[in-house]
Amino acid sequence: MTIEQIRKKLEVGDYILASKMLKITPENARIRFARNKEDVKSVILLIINNREKLIKNFHKSLNSKN
């Protein structure tokens, strides 16, 4: 996924969560992402992918209850 594709999927709190995972400040995470640093990019992708899976599984479980 390109940086632009990732930027379109970024949501509030993603830099905060990434900063906690990498033990850096949110501002540092934002700057490192802007500089296309691989560590932050991979963590942000992990956050986005897991969020999408979580939402999909939640909706699937709601539909199976109905």
N, C-alpha and C. Protein backbone atom coordinates (compact mmCIF):
# COMPACT_ATOMS: atom_id res chain seq x y z
N MET A 1 0.84 -1.17 0.00
CA MET A 1 0.00 0.00 0.00
C MET A 1 0.90 1.24 0.00
N THR A 2 0.54 2.21 -0.82
CA THR A 2 1.35 3.43 -0.90
C THR A 2 1.05 4.35 0.29
N ILE A 3 1.91 5.32 0.49
CA ILE A 3 1.72 6.30 1.56
C ILE A 3 0.38 7.02 1.39
N GLU A 4 0.04 7.38 0.18
CA GLU A 4 -1.23 8.08 -0.06
C GLU A 4 -2.42 7.20 0.26
N GLN A 5 -2.36 5.93 -0.08
CA GLN A 5 -3.44 5.00 0.25
C GLN A 5 -3.57 4.85 1.77
N ILE A 6 -2.44 4.80 2.44
CA ILE A 6 -2.46 4.70 3.90
C ILE A 6 -3.05 5.97 4.50
N ARG A 7 -2.64 7.13 4.01
CA ARG A 7 -3.16 8.40 4.53
C ARG A 7 -4.67 8.48 4.44
N LYS A 8 -5.24 7.94 3.36
CA LYS A 8 -6.70 7.98 3.18
C LYS A 8 -7.42 7.13 4.23
N LYS A 9 -6.73 6.13 4.77
CA LYS A 9 -7.34 5.22 5.74
C LYS A 9 -7.02 5.59 7.19
N LEU A 10 -6.14 6.58 7.38
CA LEU A 10 -5.79 7.00 8.74
C LEU A 10 -7.01 7.56 9.46
N GLU A 11 -7.13 7.25 10.73
CA GLU A 11 -8.23 7.75 11.54
C GLU A 11 -7.68 8.38 12.82
N VAL A 12 -8.55 9.09 13.50
CA VAL A 12 -8.17 9.73 14.75
C VAL A 12 -7.62 8.67 15.71
N GLY A 13 -6.50 8.94 16.29
CA GLY A 13 -5.92 8.04 17.27
C GLY A 13 -4.88 7.08 16.72
N ASP A 14 -4.77 6.96 15.41
CA ASP A 14 -3.80 6.02 14.84
C ASP A 14 -2.36 6.38 15.21
N TYR A 15 -2.02 7.66 15.17
CA TYR A 15 -0.66 8.06 15.54
C TYR A 15 -0.42 7.85 17.03
N ILE A 16 -1.46 8.04 17.84
CA ILE A 16 -1.32 7.84 19.28
C ILE A 16 -1.04 6.36 19.57
N LEU A 17 -1.83 5.49 18.95
CA LEU A 17 -1.62 4.05 19.16
C LEU A 17 -0.26 3.62 18.62
N ALA A 18 0.11 4.11 17.45
CA ALA A 18 1.43 3.77 16.89
C ALA A 18 2.55 4.25 17.81
N SER A 19 2.38 5.43 18.38
CA SER A 19 3.41 5.96 19.27
C SER A 19 3.55 5.10 20.52
N LYS A 20 2.44 4.59 21.05
CA LYS A 20 2.50 3.70 22.21
C LYS A 20 3.18 2.39 21.86
N MET A 21 2.91 1.89 20.66
CA MET A 21 3.52 0.63 20.24
C MET A 21 5.02 0.78 20.05
N LEU A 22 5.44 1.93 19.53
CA LEU A 22 6.86 2.15 19.25
C LEU A 22 7.61 2.86 20.38
N LYS A 23 6.86 3.25 21.44
CA LYS A 23 7.42 3.97 22.58
C LYS A 23 8.09 5.27 22.16
N ILE A 24 7.35 6.04 21.34
CA ILE A 24 7.78 7.36 20.91
C ILE A 24 6.58 8.30 21.10
N THR A 25 6.78 9.58 20.90
CA THR A 25 5.67 10.53 21.05
C THR A 25 4.79 10.48 19.80
N PRO A 26 3.52 10.86 19.94
CA PRO A 26 2.64 10.90 18.75
C PRO A 26 3.19 11.84 17.67
N GLU A 27 3.75 12.96 18.08
CA GLU A 27 4.32 13.89 17.10
C GLU A 27 5.50 13.25 16.37
N ASN A 28 6.31 12.51 17.09
CA ASN A 28 7.43 11.81 16.47
C ASN A 28 6.92 10.76 15.49
N ALA A 29 5.85 10.06 15.87
CA ALA A 29 5.27 9.06 14.96
C ALA A 29 4.77 9.73 13.69
N ARG A 30 4.11 10.87 13.83
CA ARG A 30 3.58 11.60 12.68
C ARG A 30 4.73 12.05 11.75
N ILE A 31 5.78 12.57 12.35
CA ILE A 31 6.93 13.04 11.57
C ILE A 31 7.62 11.87 10.86
N ARG A 32 7.82 10.78 11.59
CA ARG A 32 8.48 9.61 10.99
C ARG A 32 7.65 9.03 9.85
N PHE A 33 6.32 9.05 10.01
CA PHE A 33 5.45 8.57 8.93
C PHE A 33 5.57 9.50 7.72
N ALA A 34 5.59 10.80 7.96
CA ALA A 34 5.73 11.76 6.86
C ALA A 34 7.05 11.56 6.12
N ARG A 35 8.06 11.09 6.82
CA ARG A 35 9.37 10.83 6.22
C ARG A 35 9.48 9.41 5.67
N ASN A 36 8.36 8.68 5.70
CA ASN A 36 8.26 7.33 5.12
C ASN A 36 9.20 6.34 5.80
N LYS A 37 9.32 6.45 7.13
CA LYS A 37 10.15 5.51 7.88
C LYS A 37 9.42 4.18 8.00
N GLU A 38 10.11 3.11 7.74
CA GLU A 38 9.51 1.79 7.64
C GLU A 38 8.88 1.31 8.95
N ASP A 39 9.50 1.63 10.09
CA ASP A 39 8.94 1.16 11.36
C ASP A 39 7.54 1.71 11.61
N VAL A 40 7.36 2.99 11.42
CA VAL A 40 6.04 3.60 11.64
C VAL A 40 5.06 3.17 10.56
N LYS A 41 5.53 3.08 9.35
CA LYS A 41 4.66 2.66 8.25
C LYS A 41 4.11 1.26 8.50
N SER A 42 4.94 0.34 8.94
CA SER A 42 4.48 -1.03 9.17
C SER A 42 3.52 -1.09 10.36
N VAL A 43 3.75 -0.29 11.40
CA VAL A 43 2.85 -0.27 12.55
C VAL A 43 1.51 0.33 12.16
N ILE A 44 1.51 1.41 11.40
CA ILE A 44 0.26 2.04 10.95
C ILE A 44 -0.53 1.05 10.08
N LEU A 45 0.15 0.33 9.20
CA LEU A 45 -0.53 -0.68 8.38
C LEU A 45 -1.14 -1.77 9.26
N LEU A 46 -0.43 -2.19 10.27
CA LEU A 46 -0.94 -3.19 11.20
C LEU A 46 -2.20 -2.68 11.91
N ILE A 47 -2.18 -1.43 12.34
CA ILE A 47 -3.34 -0.82 13.00
C ILE A 47 -4.53 -0.78 12.05
N ILE A 48 -4.31 -0.31 10.82
CA ILE A 48 -5.39 -0.20 9.84
C ILE A 48 -5.97 -1.58 9.52
N ASN A 49 -5.11 -2.54 9.24
CA ASN A 49 -5.58 -3.89 8.89
C ASN A 49 -6.36 -4.52 10.03
N ASN A 50 -5.86 -4.37 11.25
CA ASN A 50 -6.57 -4.96 12.39
C ASN A 50 -7.90 -4.26 12.65
N ARG A 51 -7.96 -2.94 12.47
CA ARG A 51 -9.22 -2.22 12.63
C ARG A 51 -10.24 -2.72 11.62
N GLU A 52 -9.82 -2.85 10.36
CA GLU A 52 -10.73 -3.32 9.31
C GLU A 52 -11.24 -4.73 9.59
N LYS A 53 -10.35 -5.62 10.06
CA LYS A 53 -10.76 -6.98 10.41
C LYS A 53 -11.73 -6.98 11.58
N LEU A 54 -11.45 -6.17 12.59
CA LEU A 54 -12.31 -6.10 13.77
C LEU A 54 -13.71 -5.64 13.39
N ILE A 55 -13.80 -4.60 12.58
CA ILE A 55 -15.10 -4.08 12.15
C ILE A 55 -15.85 -5.12 11.32
N LYS A 56 -15.14 -5.77 10.40
CA LYS A 56 -15.76 -6.79 9.56
C LYS A 56 -16.29 -7.95 10.40
N ASN A 57 -15.49 -8.43 11.34
CA ASN A 57 -15.91 -9.53 12.20
C ASN A 57 -17.08 -9.14 13.10
N PHE A 58 -17.07 -7.91 13.57
CA PHE A 58 -18.17 -7.43 14.40
C PHE A 58 -19.47 -7.41 13.61
N HIS A 59 -19.42 -6.87 12.39
CA HIS A 59 -20.62 -6.83 11.55
C HIS A 59 -21.09 -8.24 11.19
N LYS A 60 -20.14 -9.12 10.95
CA LYS A 60 -20.50 -10.51 10.63
C LYS A 60 -21.20 -11.16 11.83
N SER A 61 -20.71 -10.91 13.03
CA SER A 61 -21.35 -11.50 14.21
C SER A 61 -22.73 -10.90 14.46
N LEU A 62 -22.91 -9.63 14.15
CA LEU A 62 -24.23 -9.01 14.28
C LEU A 62 -25.22 -9.65 13.31
N ASN A 63 -24.78 -9.86 12.08
CA ASN A 63 -25.65 -10.45 11.07
C ASN A 63 -25.99 -11.90 11.38
N SER A 64 -25.09 -12.61 12.00
CA SER A 64 -25.38 -14.02 12.31
C SER A 64 -26.38 -14.14 13.47
N LYS A 65 -26.51 -13.11 14.28
CA LYS A 65 -27.46 -13.12 15.39
C LYS A 65 -28.87 -12.82 14.90
N ASN A 66 -29.00 -12.16 13.77
CA ASN A 66 -30.32 -11.79 13.25
C ASN A 66 -30.92 -12.83 12.39
